C-alpha atoms as a PDB file:
ATOM      1  CA  TYR A   1      94.393 182.778 159.444  1.00  0.00           C
ATOM      2  CA  THR A   2      92.030 180.613 161.322  1.00  0.00           C
ATOM      3  CA  GLY A   3      90.573 177.303 160.350  1.00  0.00           C
ATOM      4  CA  THR A   4      91.848 173.882 159.586  1.00  0.00           C
ATOM      5  CA  SER A   5      93.174 172.683 156.340  1.00  0.00           C
ATOM      6  CA  GLN A   6      92.563 169.125 155.357  1.00  0.00           C
ATOM      7  CA  THR A   7      95.116 169.100 152.602  1.00  0.00           C
ATOM      8  CA  THR A   8      97.061 165.879 152.522  1.00  0.00           C
ATOM      9  CA  PHE A   9     100.548 165.765 151.195  1.00  0.00           C
ATOM     10  CA  ARG A  10     101.992 162.828 149.417  1.00  0.00           C
ATOM     11  CA  THR A  11     105.551 161.873 149.700  1.00  0.00           C
ATOM     12  CA  LEU A  12     107.603 161.421 146.550  1.00  0.00           C
ATOM     13  CA  THR A  13     107.525 157.657 146.979  1.00  0.00           C
ATOM     14  CA  ASP A  14     103.719 157.613 146.929  1.00  0.00           C
ATOM     15  CA  ALA A  15     103.397 159.894 143.912  1.00  0.00           C
ATOM     16  CA  GLY A  16     102.696 158.121 140.661  1.00  0.00           C
ATOM     17  CA  CYS A  17     100.285 155.820 138.917  1.00  0.00           C
ATOM     18  CA  GLU A  18      99.484 152.157 139.221  1.00  0.00           C
ATOM     19  CA  SER A  19     102.193 149.821 137.927  1.00  0.00           C
ATOM     20  CA  LEU A  20     101.639 148.398 134.425  1.00  0.00           C
ATOM     21  CA  VAL A  21     103.991 145.455 134.922  1.00  0.00           C
ATOM     22  CA  GLY A  22     102.220 142.066 134.737  1.00  0.00           C
ATOM     23  CA  LYS A  23      99.202 143.354 132.754  1.00  0.00           C
ATOM     24  CA  GLY A  24     100.183 141.585 129.498  1.00  0.00           C
ATOM     25  CA  LEU A  25     101.538 144.787 127.963  1.00  0.00           C
ATOM     26  CA  THR A  26     104.928 145.646 126.541  1.00  0.00           C
ATOM     27  CA  LEU A  27     106.173 148.879 128.053  1.00  0.00           C
ATOM     28  CA  SER A  28     108.731 151.445 126.928  1.00  0.00           C
ATOM     29  CA  THR A  29     109.479 152.141 130.595  1.00  0.00           C
ATOM     30  CA  SER A  30     108.376 150.854 133.967  1.00  0.00           C
ATOM     31  CA  ASP A  31     108.447 154.365 135.477  1.00  0.00           C
ATOM     32  CA  THR A  32     105.068 155.294 137.008  1.00  0.00           C
ATOM     33  CA  SER A  33     105.793 158.824 138.229  1.00  0.00           C
ATOM     34  CA  ILE A  34     103.470 161.728 137.394  1.00  0.00           C
ATOM     35  CA  GLY A  35     103.954 163.057 133.878  1.00  0.00           C
ATOM     36  CA  THR A  36     105.550 159.875 132.543  1.00  0.00           C
ATOM     37  CA  ILE A  37     104.569 158.879 128.989  1.00  0.00           C
ATOM     38  CA  VAL A  38     104.657 155.121 128.373  1.00  0.00           C
ATOM     39  CA  ASP A  39     104.500 153.545 124.888  1.00  0.00           C
ATOM     40  CA  ILE A  40     102.534 150.297 125.118  1.00  0.00           C
ATOM     41  CA  GLY A  41     101.882 147.178 123.031  1.00  0.00           C
ATOM     42  CA  CYS A  42     100.705 143.614 123.676  1.00  0.00           C
ATOM     43  CA  ASP A  43     102.827 140.561 124.493  1.00  0.00           C
ATOM     44  CA  GLU A  44     100.709 138.019 122.595  1.00  0.00           C
ATOM     45  CA  PHE A  45     101.096 137.334 118.879  1.00  0.00           C
ATOM     46  CA  GLY A  46      98.655 139.334 116.714  1.00  0.00           C
ATOM     47  CA  HIS A  47      97.145 141.238 119.649  1.00  0.00           C
ATOM     48  CA  ARG A  48      96.927 145.023 119.959  1.00  0.00           C
ATOM     49  CA  PRO A  49      95.719 147.340 122.748  1.00  0.00           C
ATOM     50  CA  SER A  50      91.965 147.920 122.417  1.00  0.00           C
ATOM     51  CA  GLY A  51      90.857 151.255 121.052  1.00  0.00           C
ATOM     52  CA  GLY A  52      94.108 151.752 119.130  1.00  0.00           C
ATOM     53  CA  ILE A  53      95.796 153.194 122.226  1.00  0.00           C
ATOM     54  CA  SER A  54      99.582 153.262 121.891  1.00  0.00           C
ATOM     55  CA  GLN A  55     100.560 155.645 124.751  1.00  0.00           C
ATOM     56  CA  LEU A  56      99.544 156.204 128.351  1.00  0.00           C
ATOM     57  CA  VAL A  57     100.245 159.342 130.420  1.00  0.00           C
ATOM     58  CA  CYS A  58     100.390 159.354 134.229  1.00  0.00           C
ATOM     59  CA  LEU A  59      98.298 162.324 135.355  1.00  0.00           C
ATOM     60  CA  ASN A  60      98.765 164.278 138.581  1.00  0.00           C
ATOM     61  CA  THR A  61      95.633 162.517 139.881  1.00  0.00           C
ATOM     62  CA  SER A  62      97.624 159.244 139.906  1.00  0.00           C
ATOM     63  CA  LYS A  63      95.498 157.855 137.088  1.00  0.00           C
ATOM     64  CA  TRP A  64      96.597 156.725 133.646  1.00  0.00           C
ATOM     65  CA  SER A  65      95.100 158.629 130.746  1.00  0.00           C
ATOM     66  CA  PRO A  66      93.503 157.087 128.802  1.00  0.00           C
ATOM     67  CA  SER A  67      92.596 154.137 131.012  1.00  0.00           C
ATOM     68  CA  ILE A  68      94.669 150.942 130.816  1.00  0.00           C
ATOM     69  CA  PRO A  69      93.482 149.022 127.736  1.00  0.00           C
ATOM     70  CA  SER A  70      93.044 145.275 127.354  1.00  0.00           C
ATOM     71  CA  CYS A  71      94.648 143.356 124.487  1.00  0.00           C
ATOM     72  CA  GLU A  72      92.511 142.001 121.637  1.00  0.00           C
ATOM     73  CA  TRP A  73      93.181 140.147 118.391  1.00  0.00           C
ATOM     74  CA  SER A  74      93.911 142.294 115.350  1.00  0.00           C
ATOM     75  CA  TRP A  75      94.577 141.338 111.735  1.00  0.00           C
ATOM     76  CA  ASP A  76      96.822 144.396 111.511  1.00  0.00           C
ATOM     77  CA  LEU A  77     100.026 142.375 111.864  1.00  0.00           C
ATOM     78  CA  THR A  78     103.540 143.732 112.042  1.00  0.00           C
ATOM     79  CA  THR A  79     106.123 142.665 109.462  1.00  0.00           C
ATOM     80  CA  GLN A  80     107.674 140.177 111.863  1.00  0.00           C
ATOM     81  CA  GLU A  81     104.259 138.697 112.709  1.00  0.00           C
ATOM     82  CA  LYS A  82     103.418 138.433 108.991  1.00  0.00           C
ATOM     83  CA  ILE A  83     106.640 136.506 108.370  1.00  0.00           C
ATOM     84  CA  ILE A  84     105.936 134.137 111.269  1.00  0.00           C
ATOM     85  CA  PHE A  85     102.301 133.654 110.231  1.00  0.00           C
ATOM     86  CA  GLY A  86     103.206 133.091 106.560  1.00  0.00           C
ATOM     87  CA  THR A  87     105.927 130.597 107.423  1.00  0.00           C
ATOM     88  CA  ALA A  88     103.588 128.655 109.709  1.00  0.00           C
ATOM     89  CA  VAL A  89     100.856 128.514 107.040  1.00  0.00           C
ATOM     90  CA  ALA A  90     103.376 127.442 104.361  1.00  0.00           C
ATOM     91  CA  ALA A  91     104.849 124.709 106.592  1.00  0.00           C
ATOM     92  CA  GLY A  92     101.390 123.397 107.483  1.00  0.00           C
ATOM     93  CA  SER A  93     100.338 123.392 103.824  1.00  0.00           C
ATOM     94  CA  PHE A  94     103.520 121.574 102.826  1.00  0.00           C
ATOM     95  CA  ILE A  95     102.914 118.862 105.418  1.00  0.00           C
ATOM     96  CA  VAL A  96      99.306 118.411 104.223  1.00  0.00           C
ATOM     97  CA  VAL A  97     100.403 118.156 100.560  1.00  0.00           C
ATOM     98  CA  ILE A  98     103.106 115.594 101.413  1.00  0.00           C
ATOM     99  CA  ALA A  99     100.617 113.530 103.445  1.00  0.00           C
ATOM    100  CA  ILE A 100      98.134 113.561 100.539  1.00  0.00           C
ATOM    101  CA  ALA A 101     100.887 112.573  98.079  1.00  0.00           C
ATOM    102  CA  ILE A 102     101.934 109.654 100.302  1.00  0.00           C
ATOM    103  CA  CYS A 103      98.320 108.468 100.585  1.00  0.00           C
ATOM    104  CA  ILE A 104      97.806 108.702  96.810  1.00  0.00           C
ATOM    105  CA  ALA A 105     101.060 106.859  96.156  1.00  0.00           C
ATOM    106  CA  TYR A 106     100.111 104.113  98.581  1.00  0.00           C
ATOM    107  CA  PHE A 107      96.550 103.597  97.451  1.00  0.00           C
ATOM    108  CA  CYS A 108      97.210 103.949  93.723  1.00  0.00           C
ATOM    109  CA  CYS A 109     100.645 102.544  93.063  1.00  0.00           C
ATOM    110  CA  TYR A 110     101.386 100.108  95.867  1.00  0.00           C
ATOM    111  CA  LYS A 111      97.894  98.665  96.023  1.00  0.00           C
ATOM    112  CA  LYS A 112      97.771  98.335  92.222  1.00  0.00           C
ATOM    113  CA  ARG A 113     101.146  96.577  92.162  1.00  0.00           C
ATOM    114  CA  LYS A 114      99.998  94.240  94.919  1.00  0.00           C
ATOM    115  CA  GLU A 115      96.864  93.376  92.937  1.00  0.00           C
ATOM    116  CA  GLU A 116      98.964  92.766  89.799  1.00  0.00           C
ATOM    117  CA  ASP A 117     101.274  90.479  91.788  1.00  0.00           C
ATOM    118  CA  GLU A 118      98.233  88.525  92.961  1.00  0.00           C
ATOM    119  CA  LYS A 119      96.997  88.235  89.351  1.00  0.00           C
ATOM    120  CA  ILE A 120     100.394  86.941  88.236  1.00  0.00           C
ATOM    121  CA  TYR A 121     100.424  84.509  91.147  1.00  0.00           C
ATOM    122  CA  ASP A 122      96.912  83.292  90.360  1.00  0.00           C
ATOM    123  CA  SER A 123      97.599  82.973  86.629  1.00  0.00           C
ATOM    124  CA  SER A 124     100.792  80.966  87.203  1.00  0.00           C
ATOM    125  CA  TYR A 125      98.763  77.919  88.175  1.00  0.00           C
ATOM    126  CA  HIS A 126      96.441  76.047  85.923  1.00  0.00           C
ATOM    127  CA  GLU A 127      92.817  75.964  87.017  1.00  0.00           C
ATOM    128  CA  SER A 128      92.847  72.177  87.293  1.00  0.00           C
ATOM    129  CA  SER A 129      95.922  72.007  89.544  1.00  0.00           C
ATOM    130  CA  PRO A 130      95.050  70.969  93.078  1.00  0.00           C
ATOM    131  CA  ARG A 131      95.254  73.709  95.678  1.00  0.00           C
ATOM    132  CA  THR A 132      96.259  73.182  99.247  1.00  0.00           C
ATOM    133  CA  GLY A 133      94.821  75.077 102.159  1.00  0.00           C
ATOM    134  CA  GLU A 134      98.006  77.127 102.430  1.00  0.00           C
ATOM    135  CA  GLU A 135      98.917  79.924 100.062  1.00  0.00           C
ATOM    136  CA  ARG A 136     102.364  79.062  98.740  1.00  0.00           C
ATOM    137  CA  PRO A 137     104.088  80.122  95.565  1.00  0.00           C
ATOM    138  CA  PHE A 138     104.649  76.482  94.573  1.00  0.00           C
ATOM    139  CA  PRO A 139     102.237  73.630  95.329  1.00  0.00           C
ATOM    140  CA  GLU A 140     103.731  70.562  96.938  1.00  0.00           C
ATOM    141  CA  ARG A 141     103.920  67.409  94.831  1.00  0.00           C
ATOM    142  CA  GLU A 142     102.323  64.395  96.355  1.00  0.00           C
ATOM    143  CA  SER A 143     104.296  61.765  94.472  1.00  0.00           C
ATOM    144  CA  TYR A 144     107.692  61.781  92.857  1.00  0.00           C
ATOM    145  CA  PRO A 145     108.989  59.322  90.295  1.00  0.00           C
ATOM    146  CA  ILE A 146     111.067  56.554  91.752  1.00  0.00           C
ATOM    147  CA  THR A 147     113.869  57.056  89.256  1.00  0.00           C
ATOM    148  CA  TYR A 148     115.196  60.190  87.698  1.00  0.00           C
ATOM    149  CA  LEU A 149     115.762  60.255  83.986  1.00  0.00           C
ATOM    150  CA  ALA A 150     117.126  63.356  82.301  1.00  0.00           C
ATOM    151  CA  TYR A 151     114.451  63.280  79.612  1.00  0.00           C
ATOM    152  CA  GLN A 152     111.510  62.424  81.800  1.00  0.00           C
ATOM    153  CA  ASP A 153     108.463  64.714  82.047  1.00  0.00           C
ATOM    154  CA  ILE A 154     106.652  64.769  85.376  1.00  0.00           C
ATOM    155  CA  ASN A 155     102.938  64.770  84.711  1.00  0.00           C
ATOM    156  CA  ASP A 156     101.487  64.805  88.238  1.00  0.00           C
ATOM    157  CA  GLY A 157     100.694  61.114  88.011  1.00  0.00           C
ATOM    158  CA  LYS A 158      98.559  61.355  84.858  1.00  0.00           C
ATOM    159  CA  TYR A 159     100.780  59.045  82.847  1.00  0.00           C
ATOM    160  CA  ASP A 160     102.566  56.839  85.370  1.00  0.00           C
ATOM    161  CA  GLY A 161     105.358  54.845  83.818  1.00  0.00           C
ATOM    162  CA  TYR A 162     105.319  56.892  80.610  1.00  0.00           C
ATOM    163  CA  ILE A 163     108.734  58.266  79.782  1.00  0.00           C
ATOM    164  CA  SER A 164     108.868  61.160  77.369  1.00  0.00           C
ATOM    165  CA  THR A 165     112.029  61.794  75.421  1.00  0.00           C
ATOM    166  CA  GLY A 166     111.088  65.440  75.100  1.00  0.00           C
ATOM    167  CA  THR A 167     110.334  67.548  72.077  1.00  0.00           C
ATOM    168  CA  LEU A 168     112.391  69.690  69.773  1.00  0.00           C
ATOM    169  CA  ASP A 169     111.802  72.811  71.903  1.00  0.00           C
ATOM    170  CA  LYS A 170     112.351  71.021  75.220  1.00  0.00           C
ATOM    171  CA  PRO A 171     114.725  68.082  74.928  1.00  0.00           C
ATOM    172  CA  TRP A 172     115.091  67.721  78.723  1.00  0.00           C
ATOM    173  CA  LEU A 173     113.907  69.417  81.911  1.00  0.00           C
ATOM    174  CA  GLY A 174     117.005  71.580  82.354  1.00  0.00           C
ATOM    175  CA  TYR A 175     117.063  72.867  78.786  1.00  0.00           C
ATOM    176  CA  ILE A 176     117.102  76.639  78.291  1.00  0.00           C
ATOM    177  CA  PRO A 177     115.928  77.540  74.780  1.00  0.00           C
ATOM    178  CA  ARG A 178     118.073  79.954  72.815  1.00  0.00           C
ATOM    179  CA  PRO A 179     116.525  82.783  70.814  1.00  0.00           C
ATOM    180  CA  LYS A 180     116.058  82.107  67.144  1.00  0.00           C
ATOM    181  CA  VAL A 181     118.013  84.538  64.955  1.00  0.00           C
ATOM    182  CA  THR A 182     116.192  85.458  61.761  1.00  0.00           C
ATOM    183  CA  GLU A 183     117.944  88.701  60.842  1.00  0.00           C
ATOM    184  CA  GLY A 184     121.389  90.240  61.093  1.00  0.00           C
ATOM    185  CA  LYS A 185     124.955  89.431  60.162  1.00  0.00           C
ATOM    186  CA  PHE A 186     124.995  86.172  62.158  1.00  0.00           C
ATOM    187  CA  TYR A 187     122.034  84.710  60.288  1.00  0.00           C
ATOM    188  CA  ASN A 188     122.993  81.719  58.135  1.00  0.00           C
END
Protein backbone atom coordinates (compact mmCIF):
# COMPACT_ATOMS: atom_id res chain seq x y z
CA TYR A 1 0.00 0.00 0.00
CA THR A 2 1.50 3.24 -1.03
CA GLY A 3 0.26 6.72 -0.42
CA THR A 4 -0.42 8.89 2.54
CA SER A 5 -3.50 8.92 4.60
CA GLN A 6 -4.65 12.17 6.06
CA THR A 7 -7.06 10.61 8.48
CA THR A 8 -6.97 12.33 11.83
CA PHE A 9 -7.84 10.49 14.96
CA ARG A 10 -9.50 12.07 17.90
CA THR A 11 -8.79 11.05 21.38
CA LEU A 12 -11.66 10.08 23.65
CA THR A 13 -11.34 13.35 25.53
CA ASP A 14 -11.88 15.37 22.35
CA ALA A 15 -14.85 13.33 21.16
CA GLY A 16 -18.22 14.90 21.81
CA CYS A 17 -20.32 17.95 21.16
CA GLU A 18 -20.22 21.51 22.39
CA SER A 19 -21.21 21.96 26.03
CA LEU A 20 -24.79 23.14 26.65
CA VAL A 21 -24.08 24.46 30.14
CA GLY A 22 -24.58 28.24 30.45
CA LYS A 23 -26.90 28.54 27.42
CA GLY A 24 -30.05 29.24 29.49
CA LEU A 25 -31.31 25.68 29.09
CA THR A 26 -32.26 23.05 31.63
CA LEU A 27 -30.52 19.80 30.83
CA SER A 28 -31.23 16.18 31.74
CA THR A 29 -27.48 15.53 31.65
CA SER A 30 -24.32 17.51 31.08
CA ASP A 31 -22.72 14.62 29.14
CA THR A 32 -21.61 15.74 25.66
CA SER A 33 -20.21 12.47 24.29
CA ILE A 34 -21.26 11.14 20.87
CA GLY A 35 -24.65 9.45 20.91
CA THR A 36 -25.85 11.19 24.07
CA ILE A 37 -29.53 12.23 24.10
CA VAL A 38 -30.23 15.32 26.22
CA ASP A 39 -33.74 16.42 27.25
CA ILE A 40 -33.85 20.22 27.29
CA GLY A 41 -36.09 23.02 28.58
CA CYS A 42 -35.70 26.72 29.41
CA ASP A 43 -34.70 28.28 32.74
CA GLU A 44 -36.92 31.37 32.47
CA PHE A 45 -40.57 31.41 33.51
CA GLY A 46 -42.98 30.79 30.60
CA HIS A 47 -40.21 30.23 28.04
CA ARG A 48 -39.83 27.15 25.83
CA PRO A 49 -37.16 26.07 23.32
CA SER A 50 -37.95 27.50 19.88
CA GLY A 51 -39.36 25.13 17.31
CA GLY A 52 -40.83 22.84 19.98
CA ILE A 53 -37.51 21.01 20.35
CA SER A 54 -37.35 18.95 23.54
CA GLN A 55 -34.33 16.68 22.83
CA LEU A 56 -30.87 17.06 21.34
CA VAL A 57 -28.65 14.22 20.07
CA CYS A 58 -24.85 14.48 19.83
CA LEU A 59 -23.93 13.15 16.39
CA ASN A 60 -20.62 11.54 15.44
CA THR A 61 -19.78 14.78 13.61
CA SER A 62 -19.58 16.52 17.01
CA LYS A 63 -22.69 18.56 16.22
CA TRP A 64 -25.99 18.63 18.07
CA SER A 65 -29.01 17.53 16.08
CA PRO A 66 -31.18 19.50 15.73
CA SER A 67 -29.18 22.68 16.31
CA ILE A 68 -29.20 24.29 19.77
CA PRO A 69 -32.46 26.26 20.07
CA SER A 70 -32.99 29.63 21.72
CA CYS A 71 -35.68 30.17 24.36
CA GLU A 72 -38.81 32.17 23.54
CA TRP A 73 -41.99 33.10 25.39
CA SER A 74 -44.86 30.63 25.16
CA TRP A 75 -48.38 30.76 26.58
CA ASP A 76 -48.23 26.98 26.88
CA LEU A 77 -47.53 27.06 30.61
CA THR A 78 -46.86 24.09 32.84
CA THR A 79 -49.12 23.42 35.83
CA GLN A 80 -46.61 24.94 38.23
CA GLU A 81 -46.25 28.05 36.05
CA LYS A 82 -50.05 28.37 35.83
CA ILE A 83 -50.30 28.27 39.63
CA ILE A 84 -47.58 30.91 40.01
CA PHE A 85 -49.09 33.12 37.29
CA GLY A 86 -52.63 32.80 38.70
CA THR A 87 -51.49 33.58 42.24
CA ALA A 88 -49.57 36.65 41.07
CA VAL A 89 -52.57 37.95 39.09
CA ALA A 90 -54.94 37.31 42.04
CA ALA A 91 -52.61 39.06 44.51
CA GLY A 92 -52.20 42.06 42.20
CA SER A 93 -55.97 42.28 41.67
CA PHE A 94 -56.60 42.07 45.41
CA ILE A 95 -54.18 44.92 46.08
CA VAL A 96 -55.84 47.08 43.39
CA VAL A 97 -59.33 46.39 44.80
CA ILE A 98 -58.21 47.23 48.35
CA ALA A 99 -56.57 50.47 47.15
CA ILE A 100 -59.77 51.47 45.31
CA ALA A 101 -61.88 50.65 48.39
CA ILE A 102 -59.62 52.79 50.60
CA CYS A 103 -59.84 55.70 48.15
CA ILE A 104 -63.64 55.43 47.96
CA ALA A 105 -63.92 55.24 51.74
CA TYR A 106 -61.71 58.28 52.16
CA PHE A 107 -63.30 60.48 49.53
CA CYS A 108 -66.90 59.50 50.26
CA CYS A 109 -67.15 58.84 53.96
CA TYR A 110 -64.34 60.77 55.61
CA LYS A 111 -64.68 63.83 53.41
CA LYS A 112 -68.47 63.83 53.84
CA ARG A 113 -68.14 63.56 57.62
CA LYS A 114 -65.62 66.39 57.62
CA GLU A 115 -68.01 68.58 55.62
CA GLU A 116 -70.87 67.72 58.02
CA ASP A 117 -68.66 68.64 60.98
CA GLU A 118 -67.94 71.98 59.34
CA LYS A 119 -71.68 72.55 58.79
CA ILE A 120 -72.39 71.78 62.45
CA TYR A 121 -69.56 74.09 63.48
CA ASP A 122 -70.83 76.88 61.23
CA SER A 123 -74.45 76.45 62.34
CA SER A 124 -73.52 76.55 66.04
CA TYR A 125 -72.90 80.28 65.84
CA HIS A 126 -75.48 82.87 65.09
CA GLU A 127 -74.86 84.93 61.97
CA SER A 128 -74.69 88.15 63.97
CA SER A 129 -72.07 86.90 66.44
CA PRO A 130 -68.70 88.55 65.91
CA ARG A 131 -66.02 86.36 64.39
CA THR A 132 -62.37 86.60 65.18
CA GLY A 133 -59.62 86.01 62.69
CA GLU A 134 -58.89 82.63 64.27
CA GLU A 135 -61.04 79.57 63.78
CA ARG A 136 -61.93 78.39 67.27
CA PRO A 137 -64.83 76.30 68.47
CA PHE A 138 -65.84 79.01 70.96
CA PRO A 139 -65.48 82.75 70.36
CA GLU A 140 -63.77 84.72 73.09
CA ARG A 141 -65.92 87.11 75.11
CA GLU A 142 -64.69 90.64 75.21
CA SER A 143 -66.38 91.67 78.45
CA TYR A 144 -67.54 89.74 81.46
CA PRO A 145 -69.98 90.92 84.09
CA ILE A 146 -68.35 92.32 87.17
CA THR A 147 -70.45 90.21 89.51
CA TYR A 148 -71.74 86.72 89.12
CA LEU A 149 -75.34 86.03 89.91
CA ALA A 150 -76.76 82.54 89.59
CA TYR A 151 -79.77 83.75 87.63
CA GLN A 152 -78.00 86.21 85.39
CA ASP A 153 -78.08 85.88 81.58
CA ILE A 154 -75.01 87.07 79.71
CA ASN A 155 -76.15 88.95 76.64
CA ASP A 156 -72.84 89.99 75.06
CA GLY A 157 -73.26 93.52 76.36
CA LYS A 158 -76.66 94.14 74.73
CA TYR A 159 -78.43 94.76 78.02
CA ASP A 160 -75.76 95.93 80.45
CA GLY A 161 -76.99 96.03 84.01
CA TYR A 162 -80.12 94.02 83.20
CA ILE A 163 -80.47 91.00 85.43
CA SER A 164 -82.76 88.26 84.25
CA THR A 165 -84.27 85.90 86.76
CA GLY A 166 -84.61 83.26 84.08
CA THR A 167 -87.65 81.59 82.61
CA LEU A 168 -89.61 78.50 83.44
CA ASP A 169 -87.49 76.35 81.09
CA LYS A 170 -84.18 77.88 82.18
CA PRO A 171 -84.25 79.11 85.76
CA TRP A 172 -80.45 79.57 85.90
CA LEU A 173 -77.39 79.04 83.71
CA GLY A 174 -76.50 75.63 85.14
CA TYR A 175 -79.99 74.18 84.84
CA ILE A 176 -80.38 70.91 82.93
CA PRO A 177 -83.99 70.44 81.80
CA ARG A 178 -85.59 67.10 82.52
CA PRO A 179 -87.70 65.32 79.91
CA LYS A 180 -91.42 65.81 80.22
CA VAL A 181 -93.27 62.53 80.80
CA THR A 182 -96.65 62.41 79.08
CA GLU A 183 -97.25 58.66 78.93
CA GLY A 184 -96.51 55.58 81.00
CA LYS A 185 -97.00 54.33 84.52
CA PHE A 186 -95.10 57.25 86.09
CA TYR A 187 -97.38 59.87 84.54
CA ASN A 188 -99.47 61.71 87.13
